[in-house]
Protein backbone atom coordinates (compact mmCIF):
# COMPACT_ATOMS: atom_id res chain seq x y z
CA MET A 1 0.14 -0.03 -0.22
CA ASN A 2 1.39 3.36 -1.24
CA VAL A 3 2.04 6.07 1.69
CA GLU A 4 -0.84 8.15 0.82
CA LYS A 5 -3.14 5.75 0.83
CA ARG A 6 -2.07 4.49 4.38
CA VAL A 7 -2.57 8.13 5.56
CA GLN A 8 -6.16 8.52 4.19
CA ASP A 9 -6.73 5.08 5.76
CA PHE A 10 -5.63 6.21 8.86
CA ILE A 11 -7.17 9.54 8.93
CA ARG A 12 -10.49 7.68 8.14
CA LYS A 13 -9.80 4.87 10.67
CA GLN A 14 -9.01 7.43 13.34
CA GLN A 15 -11.78 9.75 12.54
CA LEU A 16 -9.60 12.49 12.67
CA PHE A 17 -11.40 14.94 10.14
CA ALA A 18 -14.29 14.71 7.87
CA ASP A 19 -13.14 14.79 4.31
CA ASP A 20 -14.27 18.36 3.79
CA ALA A 21 -12.27 19.71 6.69
CA GLU A 22 -10.30 22.63 6.54
CA VAL A 23 -6.69 21.79 8.11
CA LEU A 24 -4.01 24.02 9.33
CA VAL A 25 -0.71 22.45 8.82
CA ALA A 26 2.32 23.40 10.94
CA LEU A 27 5.42 23.16 8.40
CA SER A 28 8.80 23.39 9.57
CA GLY A 29 10.49 22.99 6.29
CA GLY A 30 11.84 19.47 7.26
CA ALA A 31 10.68 16.04 5.78
CA ASP A 32 8.53 15.69 8.13
CA SER A 33 5.72 18.33 7.90
CA VAL A 34 6.50 18.84 3.85
CA ALA A 35 5.67 15.43 3.59
CA LEU A 36 2.25 16.01 5.58
CA LEU A 37 1.39 18.99 3.42
CA ARG A 38 1.98 17.23 0.60
CA ILE A 39 0.25 14.29 1.23
CA LEU A 40 -2.76 16.23 2.75
CA VAL A 41 -2.66 18.46 -0.32
CA ARG A 42 -2.82 15.28 -2.78
CA LEU A 43 -5.40 14.06 -0.89
CA GLY A 44 -7.55 16.91 -1.75
CA TYR A 45 -8.09 18.28 1.80
CA ARG A 46 -8.02 22.08 2.06
CA CYS A 47 -5.00 23.17 4.02
CA ARG A 48 -3.77 26.22 5.38
CA ALA A 49 0.24 26.37 6.68
CA VAL A 50 2.05 27.97 9.63
CA HIS A 51 5.38 28.49 9.58
CA CYS A 52 7.05 29.49 12.97
CA ASN A 53 10.35 31.26 12.89
CA PHE A 54 11.83 30.80 16.46
CA HIS A 55 14.89 33.31 15.39
CA LEU A 56 17.51 30.51 17.26
CA ARG A 57 19.37 29.50 14.23
CA ASP A 58 20.99 32.86 12.53
CA LYS A 59 20.49 31.97 9.00
CA GLU A 60 19.31 28.80 8.58
CA SER A 61 16.21 29.97 10.29
CA ASP A 62 15.55 32.88 7.32
CA ARG A 63 16.94 29.52 4.96
CA ASP A 64 13.58 27.95 6.32
CA GLU A 65 10.76 30.61 5.92
CA GLN A 66 12.31 31.26 2.57
CA PHE A 67 11.81 27.38 1.75
CA VAL A 68 8.42 27.16 3.20
CA THR A 69 6.99 30.30 1.68
CA ASP A 70 8.27 28.87 -1.71
CA LEU A 71 7.11 25.55 -1.33
CA CYS A 72 3.52 26.60 -0.34
CA ARG A 73 3.24 29.06 -3.65
CA THR A 74 4.33 26.10 -5.59
CA LEU A 75 1.33 24.00 -3.94
CA ASN A 76 -1.05 26.61 -4.20
CA VAL A 77 -1.32 26.67 -0.50
CA GLU A 78 -1.88 30.04 1.85
CA CYS A 79 0.93 30.35 4.44
CA GLU A 80 0.99 32.64 7.22
CA VAL A 81 4.25 33.31 8.95
CA VAL A 82 5.07 34.08 12.62
CA HIS A 83 8.06 35.35 14.25
CA PHE A 84 9.01 34.87 17.82
CA ASP A 85 12.03 36.07 20.47
CA THR A 86 11.92 32.54 21.59
CA SER A 87 15.05 33.16 23.86
CA ALA A 88 13.97 36.14 25.77
CA TYR A 89 10.70 34.14 26.27
CA ALA A 90 12.49 31.57 27.56
CA ALA A 91 14.11 33.35 29.88
CA GLU A 92 11.14 35.76 31.13
CA HIS A 93 9.50 32.15 31.85
CA LYS A 94 11.97 30.54 33.24
CA GLN A 95 11.92 27.70 30.84
CA SER A 96 13.87 25.87 28.29
CA ILE A 97 14.46 26.87 24.89
CA GLU A 98 12.86 23.38 23.63
CA MET A 99 9.73 24.46 25.84
CA ALA A 100 9.20 27.63 25.21
CA ALA A 101 8.98 27.00 21.17
CA ARG A 102 6.57 24.27 21.72
CA GLU A 103 4.65 26.81 24.37
CA LEU A 104 4.72 29.56 21.43
CA ARG A 105 3.91 27.65 18.60
CA TYR A 106 0.72 25.57 20.03
CA ARG A 107 -0.49 28.73 21.02
CA GLU A 108 -0.25 30.49 18.10
CA PHE A 109 -1.06 27.56 16.30
CA GLU A 110 -4.46 27.77 18.14
CA ARG A 111 -4.73 31.29 17.66
CA LEU A 112 -5.00 30.93 14.25
CA ARG A 113 -7.54 27.65 13.64
CA ARG A 114 -9.93 30.08 15.64
CA GLU A 115 -8.73 32.83 13.49
CA HIS A 116 -9.66 31.48 10.20
CA ASN A 117 -12.33 29.21 11.46
CA LEU A 118 -10.09 25.87 10.76
CA ASP A 119 -11.06 22.59 11.71
CA VAL A 120 -8.25 21.32 13.21
CA ILE A 121 -4.36 21.42 13.65
CA ALA A 122 -2.20 18.68 11.91
CA VAL A 123 1.23 18.36 13.15
CA ALA A 124 3.98 15.92 11.55
CA HIS A 125 4.65 13.60 14.37
CA HIS A 126 5.45 10.26 12.85
CA GLN A 127 5.79 6.78 14.73
CA ASP A 128 9.89 7.33 15.50
CA ASP A 129 8.41 10.81 17.19
CA ALA A 130 6.20 8.27 19.43
CA VAL A 131 8.91 6.14 20.49
CA GLU A 132 11.21 9.06 21.51
CA THR A 133 8.76 10.50 23.50
CA LEU A 134 7.72 7.22 25.31
CA LEU A 135 11.27 6.67 25.70
CA LEU A 136 11.74 10.43 27.40
CA ASN A 137 8.86 10.35 29.76
CA LEU A 138 9.66 6.83 30.66
CA ILE A 139 13.68 8.37 31.55
CA ARG A 140 12.07 11.54 33.37
CA GLY A 141 9.60 9.41 35.69
CA ALA A 142 6.27 9.38 34.08
CA GLY A 143 3.78 7.43 35.30
CA ILE A 144 1.82 4.97 33.16
CA ASN A 145 -0.25 7.67 31.15
CA GLY A 146 3.46 9.04 30.32
CA LEU A 147 4.12 5.80 28.52
CA THR A 148 1.08 5.08 26.28
CA GLY A 149 2.66 6.97 23.35
CA MET A 150 1.85 10.11 21.20
CA ARG A 151 -2.26 10.48 21.35
CA VAL A 152 -3.45 9.95 17.50
CA LYS A 153 -5.93 13.16 18.40
CA ASN A 154 -5.73 16.09 21.64
CA GLY A 155 -8.34 18.12 21.35
CA HIS A 156 -8.20 20.26 18.00
CA VAL A 157 -4.38 18.69 17.37
CA VAL A 158 -4.19 15.42 15.24
CA ARG A 159 -1.20 13.31 14.01
CA PRO A 160 -2.07 11.90 10.65
CA LEU A 161 1.52 10.49 10.10
CA LEU A 162 1.34 8.39 13.30
CA CYS A 163 1.03 5.36 10.80
CA LEU A 164 4.38 5.93 9.44
CA THR A 165 8.06 5.75 10.15
CA ARG A 166 10.60 8.14 9.52
CA GLU A 167 11.98 5.87 6.38
CA ASP A 168 8.45 5.98 5.27
CA ILE A 169 8.12 9.48 5.11
CA THR A 170 12.20 10.02 3.56
CA GLY A 171 11.28 7.48 0.96
CA TYR A 172 8.12 8.57 -0.07
CA LEU A 173 9.95 12.40 -0.84
CA ASP A 174 12.73 10.85 -2.74
CA GLN A 175 10.33 9.48 -4.82
CA LYS A 176 8.53 12.19 -5.68
CA GLY A 177 11.71 14.46 -6.11
CA GLN A 178 10.70 16.62 -3.33
CA PRO A 179 13.58 18.64 -1.37
CA TYR A 180 13.29 19.60 2.33
CA VAL A 181 15.36 21.66 4.62
CA THR A 182 17.16 20.09 7.50
CA ASP A 183 17.39 21.58 11.10
CA SER A 184 21.62 21.17 12.06
CA THR A 185 20.29 21.07 15.66
CA ASN A 186 18.96 17.65 14.70
CA LEU A 187 22.33 16.75 13.61
CA THR A 188 23.86 16.78 17.32
CA ASP A 189 23.10 15.77 20.78
CA MET A 190 22.46 19.15 22.41
CA TYR A 191 18.90 18.18 23.01
CA ALA A 192 17.64 15.28 25.17
CA ARG A 193 15.63 14.24 22.39
CA ASN A 194 18.17 14.35 20.38
CA LYS A 195 20.53 12.51 22.43
CA VAL A 196 17.40 9.63 22.30
CA ARG A 197 17.40 9.73 18.70
CA LEU A 198 21.26 9.70 17.84
CA ASN A 199 22.71 7.61 20.61
CA LEU A 200 19.87 5.61 22.63
CA LEU A 201 17.99 4.16 20.10
CA PRO A 202 20.77 2.95 18.01
CA LEU A 203 22.13 1.38 21.20
CA MET A 204 18.83 -0.63 21.55
CA GLU A 205 18.34 -1.42 17.97
CA GLN A 206 21.90 -2.97 18.26
CA ILE A 207 20.56 -5.46 20.46
CA ASN A 208 17.38 -5.86 19.14
CA PRO A 209 16.63 -4.92 15.59
CA THR A 210 12.93 -4.48 16.09
CA ALA A 211 13.16 -2.40 19.06
CA LYS A 212 11.11 0.47 17.88
CA SER A 213 8.01 -1.41 16.80
CA ASN A 214 8.42 -3.31 19.83
CA ILE A 215 8.39 0.01 21.92
CA MET A 216 5.14 0.88 19.68
CA GLN A 217 3.35 -2.65 20.60
CA ALA A 218 4.33 -2.16 24.17
CA ALA A 219 2.74 1.55 24.08
CA LEU A 220 -0.26 0.38 22.63
CA HIS A 221 -0.48 -2.19 25.96
CA LEU A 222 0.02 0.15 27.85
CA GLY A 223 -3.05 2.58 26.61
CA GLU A 224 -5.41 -0.21 27.07
CA ALA A 225 -4.16 -0.71 30.72
CA ALA A 226 -3.83 3.00 31.14
CA THR A 227 -7.78 2.86 30.51
CA ILE A 228 -8.36 0.77 33.36
CA TYR A 229 -6.23 2.22 35.75
CA ASN A 230 -7.30 5.81 35.03
CA LYS A 231 -10.94 4.75 35.63
CA VAL A 232 -9.85 2.94 38.88
CA MET A 233 -8.00 6.46 40.05
CA THR A 234 -10.85 8.93 38.50
CA GLU A 235 -13.48 6.35 41.27
CA THR A 236 -10.99 6.50 44.40
CA ASN A 237 -9.58 9.88 43.62
CA ALA A 238 -13.23 11.31 44.12
CA HIS A 239 -13.21 10.32 47.66
CA ILE A 240 -9.60 11.88 48.48
CA VAL A 241 -10.22 15.33 46.66
CA ILE A 242 -11.88 18.27 47.69
CA PRO A 243 -11.82 20.52 44.99
CA ARG A 244 -11.36 24.49 46.22
CA ALA A 245 -11.94 27.63 43.90
CA GLU A 246 -8.36 27.37 43.28
CA GLY A 247 -6.32 24.27 43.96
CA CYS A 248 -7.45 21.35 46.10
CA ASP A 249 -7.43 19.46 49.33
CA ILE A 250 -6.18 15.96 49.71
CA SER A 251 -7.37 14.07 52.70
CA ILE A 252 -4.53 12.66 54.11
CA PRO A 253 -6.44 9.66 55.81
CA ALA A 254 -8.69 8.78 52.71
CA LEU A 255 -5.28 9.17 51.04
CA LEU A 256 -3.36 6.48 53.20
CA ASP A 257 -6.62 4.23 53.18
CA THR A 258 -6.00 3.39 49.87
CA ASP A 259 -4.35 0.39 48.47
CA VAL A 260 -1.58 2.36 46.59
CA PRO A 261 -1.05 5.77 48.70
CA LYS A 262 2.25 6.70 46.40
CA ALA A 263 0.47 5.96 42.72
CA HIS A 264 -2.87 7.89 43.89
CA LEU A 265 -0.72 11.00 45.07
CA PHE A 266 1.41 10.94 41.78
CA GLU A 267 -1.41 11.07 39.29
CA LEU A 268 -3.34 13.79 41.60
CA LEU A 269 0.01 15.93 41.86
CA TYR A 270 1.83 15.40 38.41
CA PRO A 271 -0.40 17.29 36.12
CA TYR A 272 0.66 20.33 38.92
CA GLY A 273 4.32 19.95 38.12
CA PHE A 274 5.55 17.58 40.84
CA ASN A 275 7.70 14.99 39.93
CA SER A 276 8.17 11.34 41.47
CA ALA A 277 10.73 12.41 43.91
CA GLN A 278 8.66 15.24 45.27
CA VAL A 279 6.05 12.73 45.61
CA ARG A 280 7.87 10.17 47.52
CA ASP A 281 9.07 13.41 50.16
CA ILE A 282 5.85 14.29 50.45
CA LEU A 283 4.30 10.93 51.26
CA ARG A 284 7.34 10.76 53.76
CA SER A 285 5.90 13.89 55.45
CA LEU A 286 3.12 12.14 56.23
CA SER A 287 4.20 10.22 59.11
CA SER A 288 6.15 13.61 60.65
CA GLU A 289 4.48 16.78 61.89
CA ALA A 290 2.46 19.60 59.70
CA GLY A 291 3.85 22.58 58.44
CA ARG A 292 6.05 21.14 55.32
CA VAL A 293 5.91 23.13 52.41
CA PHE A 294 6.48 21.54 49.04
CA GLN A 295 6.61 23.14 45.60
CA ALA A 296 6.73 23.08 42.07
CA ALA A 297 7.05 25.59 39.39
CA ASN A 298 3.73 27.08 39.76
CA TYR A 299 1.97 25.59 42.59
CA THR A 300 2.83 24.76 46.50
CA LEU A 301 1.46 22.11 48.71
CA LEU A 302 1.49 22.78 52.64
CA ARG A 303 1.26 19.48 54.56
CA ASP A 304 -1.65 20.16 57.06
CA ARG A 305 -2.94 18.42 60.04
CA THR A 306 -5.62 16.23 58.69
CA HIS A 307 -5.08 17.65 54.14
CA LEU A 308 -2.26 18.40 51.81
CA LEU A 309 -3.41 22.09 50.52
CA LEU A 310 -2.50 22.30 46.97
CA ARG A 311 -2.41 26.19 45.66
CA PRO A 312 -1.28 28.10 42.89
CA ILE A 313 1.83 30.44 43.12
CA THR A 314 0.55 33.92 43.37
CA GLN A 315 2.84 37.07 43.67
CA ASP A 316 1.33 37.57 47.30
CA THR A 317 1.87 33.72 48.35
CA ALA A 318 5.70 33.77 46.40
CA VAL A 319 6.64 36.99 48.70
CA ASP A 320 4.93 35.16 51.76
CA THR A 321 5.19 31.55 52.15
CA ILE A 322 7.94 29.64 53.86
CA TYR A 323 9.18 26.95 52.42
CA THR A 324 11.41 24.03 54.33
CA LEU A 325 14.59 22.91 53.00
CA PRO A 326 15.15 18.97 52.51
CA GLU A 327 18.53 17.39 53.91
CA GLU A 328 19.92 16.75 50.85
CA GLY A 329 19.33 17.16 47.50
CA THR A 330 18.12 19.89 44.90
CA MET A 331 15.14 22.59 45.55
CA GLN A 332 14.26 25.19 43.05
CA LEU A 333 11.79 28.32 44.12
CA PRO A 334 9.36 29.69 42.43
CA ASP A 335 11.10 32.79 41.01
CA GLY A 336 13.82 29.55 39.57
CA THR A 337 16.30 30.00 42.33
CA ARG A 338 17.81 26.86 42.82
CA LEU A 339 19.66 25.49 45.85
CA ASN A 340 21.70 22.14 46.54
CA ILE A 341 21.99 20.96 49.82
CA TYR A 342 24.69 18.53 51.04
CA THR A 343 26.84 17.53 53.85
CA ILE A 344 30.50 16.69 54.44
CA LYS A 345 32.57 15.67 57.25
CA PRO A 346 35.39 17.80 57.18
CA ASP A 347 38.98 16.25 57.68
CA ALA A 348 41.84 18.56 58.18
CA THR A 349 43.02 19.43 54.68
CA TRP A 350 39.53 20.95 54.29
CA GLN A 351 38.89 24.26 54.46
CA VAL A 352 36.14 26.52 54.26
CA PRO A 353 34.85 28.01 50.97
CA ARG A 354 34.89 31.84 50.84
CA ARG A 355 32.15 32.43 48.44
CA SER A 356 28.74 34.62 48.86
CA ASP A 357 26.89 32.07 46.90
CA MET A 358 27.70 29.29 49.03
CA VAL A 359 27.06 29.11 53.19
CA CYS A 360 28.55 26.16 55.05
CA LEU A 361 26.82 25.80 58.99
CA ASP A 362 27.96 23.38 61.65
CA ALA A 363 25.31 20.72 61.82
CA SER A 364 25.39 20.50 65.72
CA ARG A 365 24.13 23.78 65.70
CA ILE A 366 21.38 22.86 63.58
CA ALA A 367 18.12 22.15 66.01
CA GLN A 368 15.10 22.41 63.47
CA PRO A 369 14.60 22.52 60.13
CA LEU A 370 16.05 25.18 57.84
CA THR A 371 13.37 27.19 56.20
CA LEU A 372 13.44 29.91 53.60
CA ARG A 373 11.34 33.13 53.17
CA HIS A 374 11.82 36.61 52.41
CA PRO A 375 12.45 39.68 53.90
CA ARG A 376 9.99 40.80 56.83
CA GLN A 377 9.57 44.76 58.62
CA GLY A 378 12.42 44.65 61.40
CA ASP A 379 14.67 41.42 60.46
CA ARG A 380 17.97 41.74 62.18
CA PHE A 381 21.10 40.20 60.87
CA SER A 382 24.77 38.98 62.35
CA PRO A 383 26.62 39.20 58.87
CA PHE A 384 29.90 37.09 58.82
CA GLY A 385 32.75 39.22 60.47
CA MET A 386 30.67 41.48 62.47
CA ARG A 387 29.99 41.75 66.34
CA GLY A 388 26.80 42.37 67.10
CA SER A 389 23.66 42.31 64.80
CA LYS A 390 21.76 45.16 62.40
CA LEU A 391 18.43 45.59 60.51
CA LEU A 392 18.70 43.55 57.68
CA SER A 393 17.75 46.78 55.65
CA ASP A 394 21.08 48.86 56.70
CA PHE A 395 22.85 45.39 55.75
CA TYR A 396 21.42 45.90 52.45
CA THR A 397 22.33 49.59 52.36
CA ASP A 398 25.70 49.10 52.91
CA ILE A 399 26.62 46.56 50.10
CA LYS A 400 24.36 48.88 48.25
CA LEU A 401 21.86 46.46 47.07
CA PRO A 402 19.47 48.13 44.40
CA HIS A 403 15.91 48.43 46.26
CA THR A 404 14.25 47.21 43.63
CA GLU A 405 16.15 43.65 44.53
CA LYS A 406 15.50 43.87 48.45
CA SER A 407 12.00 42.11 48.69
CA HIS A 408 12.85 39.57 46.50
CA GLN A 409 16.03 38.20 48.26
CA TRP A 410 15.88 34.73 49.77
CA LEU A 411 16.56 34.31 53.73
CA LEU A 412 17.91 31.21 54.98
CA CYS A 413 16.45 30.79 58.54
CA HIS A 414 16.86 28.68 61.41
CA GLY A 415 13.71 29.12 63.24
CA GLU A 416 13.41 33.47 63.66
CA GLU A 417 17.17 33.89 63.02
CA ILE A 418 18.62 34.84 59.45
CA VAL A 419 21.22 32.20 58.94
CA TRP A 420 22.18 33.34 55.18
CA ALA A 421 21.21 36.06 52.91
CA VAL A 422 21.13 34.28 50.20
CA GLY A 423 24.07 34.80 47.57
CA LEU A 424 25.32 37.69 49.69
CA ARG A 425 26.38 36.68 53.38
CA GLY A 426 26.17 34.50 56.16
CA SER A 427 25.85 34.84 59.95
CA GLU A 428 29.13 35.00 62.25
CA ARG A 429 26.68 33.19 64.46
CA TYR A 430 27.20 30.21 62.64
CA ARG A 431 30.55 30.15 61.37
CA LEU A 432 31.82 26.57 61.91
CA ASP A 433 35.16 26.21 64.57
CA LYS A 434 37.61 23.83 64.90
CA ASN A 435 35.03 21.62 67.02
CA THR A 436 32.98 21.30 63.90
CA LYS A 437 32.31 17.24 63.06
CA LYS A 438 29.70 17.69 60.63
CA VAL A 439 28.95 20.22 57.76
CA ILE A 440 25.93 20.80 55.94
CA CYS A 441 26.41 23.03 53.09
CA ILE A 442 24.24 25.08 51.06
CA GLU A 443 25.22 26.55 47.56
CA ARG A 444 23.36 28.94 45.44
CA LEU A 445 23.59 27.04 41.43
CA THR A 446 23.96 29.13 38.65
CA THR A 447 21.74 28.27 35.48
CA ASN A 448 24.07 26.22 34.13
CA ASP A 449 24.75 24.07 36.56
């Protein structure tokens, strides 16, 4: 069966869209999207194309835009080009370039679909993409729903090429004599997906040449299992969760009464940005005192006496919330600040690092969990090298900290006492001495760490 017929049958079998549908085609200029547009045009569908120029590859980005506009002119397809300052958007929203580009393009796709009253948005993902996505999700610790592969239809987004492999697509284009452009970043393992494509999958195929097709079959089986799993989760979680106007409350007794509390908690919290390691920490906190706060990028979770209180982070909550440090590991705060916490037992050769972005504390002096918060009116601080204390506001003035940054600075506290003005200076009262046996080290990580 030829490629075009396979795609036509797949569209109809999966009921992706009607024969008279108007389709917005996401067209990058690469092999996959060029094949998608050519196939849909050949099958007689009414198409409109959109090309996103993310301005990430200098002349290559402009080359792709020119190629796409020329192709659409040849095929008599209307094409709209949209431009993004992707790097600026990623920095503003504290996202990776990949995540920023994805968010920008899908938001623009939906805008154009509505503006032109189109039926669906067709994207060019194929079977190889689905396998790569499953493996990435597995590596990142996704639950069963993240291991079911790409969905054929997700709202208005459809994937007509999921019936084809990358080899099918390039073979089709070669047969038609249809050129396409190649994104040079796809040839390097700079991004996680490329590492899977260029390194991991070839290694898996050395072990078993049918690895990709076997993974696709496993995804189908997991999809069937996920249907049952989700039904049980939905029914059970209805007795655990109390919806609120913003967020929800999770009953701790009801959660612990389930057969698999961890699985329920993961499914409840994963959509809000909490990962599997955090879920384990939250579950452990249920056997300790109330008051611990956990946070994802946009949500906080407070371990109250009888409930876990999930709330979105607003400007006010970001300023007022107190965060508890884990004993070890990496912690990320709502503004993107990341801290790494670890302990060491110093020997005679060890020297205290003299760094403003790191503090070292005598573990024997820490009697309660360390916390992080923003400054309060009247805070006092004992900067390293000074006897007595002074107003934190005076310390900020002494070091000429810009006024706009003062209220956003993080403070590491032991009870009510400030241990470290994060990234600026530690407290004299917590300095190490010759009797120190165990050291708690806390360092602020840079964006590259």
